[in-house]
Amino acid sequence: PTSAESSSSNTFFIIGVSVLVIILIVLLYFYFRKPKQPQPQV
């Protein structure tokens, strides 16, 4: 039972972290995709 619980907990942890990472990437993508203010071309 110990190994099963550890595996289940580890899998749930990995899924949770993966979801958080995906959400952060999506937020950063939309944040940088639309510039807050137009920057002049050098």
PDB file of N, CA and C in Angstrom:
ATOM      1  N   PRO A   1       0.832  -1.217   0.000  1.00  0.00           N
ATOM      2  CA  PRO A   1       0.000   0.000   0.000  1.00  0.00           C
ATOM      3  C   PRO A   1       0.870   1.273   0.000  1.00  0.00           C
ATOM      4  N   THR A   2       2.017   1.179   0.637  1.00  0.00           N
ATOM      5  CA  THR A   2       2.888   2.355   0.727  1.00  0.00           C
ATOM      6  C   THR A   2       3.343   2.791  -0.663  1.00  0.00           C
ATOM      7  N   SER A   3       3.791   1.844  -1.455  1.00  0.00           N
ATOM      8  CA  SER A   3       4.297   2.177  -2.788  1.00  0.00           C
ATOM      9  C   SER A   3       3.166   2.737  -3.654  1.00  0.00           C
ATOM     10  N   ALA A   4       1.975   2.173  -3.534  1.00  0.00           N
ATOM     11  CA  ALA A   4       0.835   2.637  -4.328  1.00  0.00           C
ATOM     12  C   ALA A   4       0.491   4.078  -3.957  1.00  0.00           C
ATOM     13  N   GLU A   5       0.454   4.359  -2.664  1.00  0.00           N
ATOM     14  CA  GLU A   5       0.117   5.717  -2.231  1.00  0.00           C
ATOM     15  C   GLU A   5       1.172   6.709  -2.707  1.00  0.00           C
ATOM     16  N   SER A   6       2.427   6.314  -2.613  1.00  0.00           N
ATOM     17  CA  SER A   6       3.518   7.201  -3.034  1.00  0.00           C
ATOM     18  C   SER A   6       3.404   7.471  -4.529  1.00  0.00           C
ATOM     19  N   SER A   7       3.133   6.421  -5.291  1.00  0.00           N
ATOM     20  CA  SER A   7       3.031   6.581  -6.741  1.00  0.00           C
ATOM     21  C   SER A   7       1.858   7.488  -7.097  1.00  0.00           C
ATOM     22  N   SER A   8       0.722   7.262  -6.450  1.00  0.00           N
ATOM     23  CA  SER A   8      -0.469   8.066  -6.726  1.00  0.00           C
ATOM     24  C   SER A   8      -0.210   9.527  -6.369  1.00  0.00           C
ATOM     25  N   SER A   9       0.406   9.749  -5.206  1.00  0.00           N
ATOM     26  CA  SER A   9       0.676  11.114  -4.761  1.00  0.00           C
ATOM     27  C   SER A   9       1.663  11.779  -5.717  1.00  0.00           C
ATOM     28  N   ASN A  10       2.688  11.030  -6.133  1.00  0.00           N
ATOM     29  CA  ASN A  10       3.693  11.580  -7.034  1.00  0.00           C
ATOM     30  C   ASN A  10       3.056  11.946  -8.364  1.00  0.00           C
ATOM     31  N   THR A  11       2.180  11.068  -8.877  1.00  0.00           N
ATOM     32  CA  THR A  11       1.516  11.339 -10.156  1.00  0.00           C
ATOM     33  C   THR A  11       0.636  12.580 -10.044  1.00  0.00           C
ATOM     34  N   PHE A  12      -0.110  12.687  -8.949  1.00  0.00           N
ATOM     35  CA  PHE A  12      -0.991  13.846  -8.755  1.00  0.00           C
ATOM     36  C   PHE A  12      -0.164  15.113  -8.668  1.00  0.00           C
ATOM     37  N   PHE A  13       0.999  15.029  -8.003  1.00  0.00           N
ATOM     38  CA  PHE A  13       1.877  16.197  -7.861  1.00  0.00           C
ATOM     39  C   PHE A  13       2.402  16.622  -9.225  1.00  0.00           C
ATOM     40  N   ILE A  14       2.812  15.653 -10.035  1.00  0.00           N
ATOM     41  CA  ILE A  14       3.339  15.965 -11.368  1.00  0.00           C
ATOM     42  C   ILE A  14       2.253  16.612 -12.228  1.00  0.00           C
ATOM     43  N   ILE A  15       1.044  16.071 -12.160  1.00  0.00           N
ATOM     44  CA  ILE A  15      -0.060  16.635 -12.949  1.00  0.00           C
ATOM     45  C   ILE A  15      -0.349  18.060 -12.501  1.00  0.00           C
ATOM     46  N   GLY A  16      -0.364  18.291 -11.191  1.00  0.00           N
ATOM     47  CA  GLY A  16      -0.635  19.639 -10.670  1.00  0.00           C
ATOM     48  C   GLY A  16       0.427  20.623 -11.123  1.00  0.00           C
ATOM     49  N   VAL A  17       1.693  20.226 -11.037  1.00  0.00           N
ATOM     50  CA  VAL A  17       2.783  21.117 -11.454  1.00  0.00           C
ATOM     51  C   VAL A  17       2.696  21.384 -12.959  1.00  0.00           C
ATOM     52  N   SER A  18       2.399  20.348 -13.726  1.00  0.00           N
ATOM     53  CA  SER A  18       2.300  20.518 -15.185  1.00  0.00           C
ATOM     54  C   SER A  18       1.203  21.519 -15.537  1.00  0.00           C
ATOM     55  N   VAL A  19       0.056  21.406 -14.862  1.00  0.00           N
ATOM     56  CA  VAL A  19      -1.057  22.329 -15.121  1.00  0.00           C
ATOM     57  C   VAL A  19      -0.646  23.757 -14.774  1.00  0.00           C
ATOM     58  N   LEU A  20       0.028  23.930 -13.634  1.00  0.00           N
ATOM     59  CA  LEU A  20       0.456  25.268 -13.225  1.00  0.00           C
ATOM     60  C   LEU A  20       1.439  25.848 -14.238  1.00  0.00           C
ATOM     61  N   VAL A  21       2.364  25.023 -14.708  1.00  0.00           N
ATOM     62  CA  VAL A  21       3.356  25.494 -15.685  1.00  0.00           C
ATOM     63  C   VAL A  21       2.663  25.905 -16.976  1.00  0.00           C
ATOM     64  N   ILE A  22       1.704  25.098 -17.433  1.00  0.00           N
ATOM     65  CA  ILE A  22       0.983  25.420 -18.673  1.00  0.00           C
ATOM     66  C   ILE A  22       0.229  26.743 -18.514  1.00  0.00           C
ATOM     67  N   ILE A  23      -0.425  26.929 -17.366  1.00  0.00           N
ATOM     68  CA  ILE A  23      -1.167  28.173 -17.128  1.00  0.00           C
ATOM     69  C   ILE A  23      -0.214  29.364 -17.140  1.00  0.00           C
ATOM     70  N   LEU A  24       0.944  29.226 -16.509  1.00  0.00           N
ATOM     71  CA  LEU A  24       1.917  30.323 -16.479  1.00  0.00           C
ATOM     72  C   LEU A  24       2.398  30.643 -17.889  1.00  0.00           C
ATOM     73  N   ILE A  25       2.664  29.607 -18.687  1.00  0.00           N
ATOM     74  CA  ILE A  25       3.137  29.828 -20.057  1.00  0.00           C
ATOM     75  C   ILE A  25       2.066  30.547 -20.869  1.00  0.00           C
ATOM     76  N   VAL A  26       0.805  30.126 -20.720  1.00  0.00           N
ATOM     77  CA  VAL A  26      -0.283  30.766 -21.477  1.00  0.00           C
ATOM     78  C   VAL A  26      -0.425  32.229 -21.064  1.00  0.00           C
ATOM     79  N   LEU A  27      -0.375  32.490 -19.752  1.00  0.00           N
ATOM     80  CA  LEU A  27      -0.502  33.872 -19.273  1.00  0.00           C
ATOM     81  C   LEU A  27       0.652  34.722 -19.798  1.00  0.00           C
ATOM     82  N   LEU A  28       1.873  34.208 -19.726  1.00  0.00           N
ATOM     83  CA  LEU A  28       3.034  34.960 -20.225  1.00  0.00           C
ATOM     84  C   LEU A  28       2.920  35.166 -21.731  1.00  0.00           C
ATOM     85  N   TYR A  29       2.407  34.154 -22.456  1.00  0.00           N
ATOM     86  CA  TYR A  29       2.261  34.267 -23.908  1.00  0.00           C
ATOM     87  C   TYR A  29       1.309  35.400 -24.266  1.00  0.00           C
ATOM     88  N   PHE A  30       0.146  35.423 -23.634  1.00  0.00           N
ATOM     89  CA  PHE A  30      -0.820  36.483 -23.936  1.00  0.00           C
ATOM     90  C   PHE A  30      -0.322  37.837 -23.427  1.00  0.00           C
ATOM     91  N   TYR A  31       0.446  37.827 -22.320  1.00  0.00           N
ATOM     92  CA  TYR A  31       0.947  39.078 -21.746  1.00  0.00           C
ATOM     93  C   TYR A  31       1.969  39.721 -22.677  1.00  0.00           C
ATOM     94  N   PHE A  32       2.873  38.905 -23.204  1.00  0.00           N
ATOM     95  CA  PHE A  32       3.909  39.451 -24.094  1.00  0.00           C
ATOM     96  C   PHE A  32       3.404  39.584 -25.523  1.00  0.00           C
ATOM     97  N   ARG A  33       2.347  38.852 -25.873  1.00  0.00           N
ATOM     98  CA  ARG A  33       1.825  38.927 -27.232  1.00  0.00           C
ATOM     99  C   ARG A  33       1.238  40.320 -27.488  1.00  0.00           C
ATOM    100  N   LYS A  34       0.533  40.874 -26.506  1.00  0.00           N
ATOM    101  CA  LYS A  34      -0.043  42.213 -26.671  1.00  0.00           C
ATOM    102  C   LYS A  34       0.816  43.210 -25.894  1.00  0.00           C
ATOM    103  N   PRO A  35       1.629  43.995 -26.572  1.00  0.00           N
ATOM    104  CA  PRO A  35       2.496  44.961 -25.886  1.00  0.00           C
ATOM    105  C   PRO A  35       1.677  45.994 -25.136  1.00  0.00           C
ATOM    106  N   LYS A  36       2.129  46.304 -23.921  1.00  0.00           N
ATOM    107  CA  LYS A  36       1.417  47.294 -23.117  1.00  0.00           C
ATOM    108  C   LYS A  36       1.506  48.667 -23.763  1.00  0.00           C
ATOM    109  N   GLN A  37       2.701  48.983 -24.295  1.00  0.00           N
ATOM    110  CA  GLN A  37       2.878  50.266 -24.968  1.00  0.00           C
ATOM    111  C   GLN A  37       3.810  50.071 -26.162  1.00  0.00           C
ATOM    112  N   PRO A  38       3.509  50.714 -27.282  1.00  0.00           N
ATOM    113  CA  PRO A  38       4.335  50.550 -28.486  1.00  0.00           C
ATOM    114  C   PRO A  38       5.743  51.064 -28.255  1.00  0.00           C
ATOM    115  N   GLN A  39       6.726  50.205 -28.559  1.00  0.00           N
ATOM    116  CA  GLN A  39       8.118  50.615 -28.403  1.00  0.00           C
ATOM    117  C   GLN A  39       8.671  51.079 -29.753  1.00  0.00           C
ATOM    118  N   PRO A  40       9.349  52.227 -29.776  1.00  0.00           N
ATOM    119  CA  PRO A  40       9.895  52.763 -31.035  1.00  0.00           C
ATOM    120  C   PRO A  40      11.003  51.882 -31.578  1.00  0.00           C
ATOM    121  N   GLN A  41      10.988  51.682 -32.877  1.00  0.00           N
ATOM    122  CA  GLN A  41      12.026  50.877 -33.509  1.00  0.00           C
ATOM    123  C   GLN A  41      13.331  51.650 -33.565  1.00  0.00           C
ATOM    124  N   VAL A  42      14.407  50.996 -33.133  1.00  0.00           N
ATOM    125  CA  VAL A  42      15.710  51.675 -33.140  1.00  0.00           C
ATOM    126  C   VAL A  42      16.343  51.546 -34.515  1.00  0.00           C
TER     127      VAL A  42
END
